[in-house]
Amino acid sequence: MLSDIERKVLRVIGNYSAGRKRTPTVDELCIKTGRTRGGIMTVLEVLAKEEYNEWKRSEPDTMTVLEGWERKELHNRTRPKK
């Protein structure tokens, strides 16, 4: 499950790339989220680790969106007995 800032950045990236046909730069993400460059880089690392995007710290403004929205988590619920 993603934190609030991770979910926010993911939605910004998804909406931005859908509307502009390109992914936002790290500086554009800083402006849209109000976070520092270091904070955005950390969030992008988490999103890459969770396989929401492909991103490398060595090329910060180059990313590929794999999923633009948070995945729905499956809850381990027991089924009611019949």
Protein backbone atom coordinates (compact mmCIF):
# COMPACT_ATOMS: atom_id res chain seq x y z
CA MET A 1 0.00 0.00 0.00
CA LEU A 2 1.37 3.40 -0.98
CA SER A 3 1.73 6.38 1.35
CA ASP A 4 -0.20 9.56 0.62
CA ILE A 5 2.71 11.31 -1.12
CA GLU A 6 3.54 8.23 -3.18
CA ARG A 7 -0.10 7.97 -4.28
CA LYS A 8 -0.17 11.70 -5.08
CA VAL A 9 2.99 11.57 -7.19
CA LEU A 10 1.73 8.47 -8.99
CA ARG A 11 -1.57 10.18 -9.84
CA VAL A 12 0.22 13.35 -10.98
CA ILE A 13 2.47 11.27 -13.25
CA GLY A 14 -0.48 9.28 -14.63
CA ASN A 15 -2.65 12.33 -15.30
CA TYR A 16 0.24 14.39 -16.66
CA SER A 17 1.36 11.70 -19.09
CA ALA A 18 -2.21 11.04 -20.25
CA GLY A 19 -2.82 14.73 -20.96
CA ARG A 20 0.54 15.76 -22.35
CA LYS A 21 1.77 12.49 -23.89
CA ARG A 22 5.02 12.71 -21.91
CA THR A 23 6.05 12.17 -18.32
CA PRO A 24 6.76 15.16 -16.06
CA THR A 25 10.28 16.11 -15.09
CA VAL A 26 11.41 15.96 -11.46
CA ASP A 27 11.23 19.77 -11.30
CA GLU A 28 7.62 19.72 -12.59
CA LEU A 29 6.75 17.13 -9.93
CA CYS A 30 8.31 19.40 -7.29
CA ILE A 31 6.10 22.28 -8.40
CA LYS A 32 2.91 20.19 -8.57
CA THR A 33 3.42 18.48 -5.19
CA GLY A 34 5.21 21.16 -3.19
CA ARG A 35 7.99 18.72 -2.28
CA THR A 36 11.75 19.08 -2.52
CA ARG A 37 13.77 17.48 -5.31
CA GLY A 38 15.26 14.97 -2.85
CA GLY A 39 11.81 14.04 -1.58
CA ILE A 40 10.52 13.45 -5.11
CA MET A 41 13.57 11.34 -5.96
CA THR A 42 12.88 9.16 -2.90
CA VAL A 43 9.23 8.74 -3.90
CA LEU A 44 10.22 7.82 -7.46
CA GLU A 45 12.60 5.17 -6.10
CA VAL A 46 9.75 3.64 -4.08
CA LEU A 47 7.42 3.68 -7.10
CA ALA A 48 10.09 2.00 -9.22
CA LYS A 49 10.67 -0.62 -6.51
CA GLU A 50 6.92 -1.31 -6.38
CA GLU A 51 6.92 -1.55 -10.22
CA TYR A 52 4.58 1.38 -10.89
CA ASN A 53 7.18 2.98 -13.15
CA GLU A 54 10.63 2.39 -14.60
CA TRP A 55 13.05 5.01 -13.34
CA LYS A 56 16.76 5.36 -12.59
CA ARG A 57 18.30 7.90 -10.26
CA SER A 58 21.10 8.43 -12.82
CA GLU A 59 18.51 9.66 -15.37
CA PRO A 60 15.99 11.49 -13.15
CA ASP A 61 13.88 13.08 -15.90
CA THR A 62 13.44 9.84 -17.85
CA MET A 63 10.72 7.48 -16.67
CA THR A 64 8.23 5.05 -18.11
CA VAL A 65 4.81 4.67 -16.54
CA LEU A 66 3.82 1.04 -16.00
CA GLU A 67 0.69 1.73 -13.93
CA GLY A 68 -0.80 5.19 -13.43
CA TRP A 69 -3.04 4.30 -10.49
CA GLU A 70 -2.55 2.46 -7.23
CA ARG A 71 -3.34 -1.25 -7.33
CA LYS A 72 -6.25 -2.49 -5.30
CA GLU A 73 -5.00 -4.60 -2.45
CA LEU A 74 -6.66 -7.95 -1.89
CA HIS A 75 -7.75 -8.41 1.69
CA ASN A 76 -7.45 -11.79 3.33
CA ARG A 77 -11.01 -12.27 4.44
CA THR A 78 -12.52 -15.56 5.27
CA ARG A 79 -15.60 -16.51 3.35
CA PRO A 80 -18.78 -16.94 5.32
CA LYS A 81 -19.81 -20.53 5.84
CA LYS A 82 -22.92 -21.70 4.01
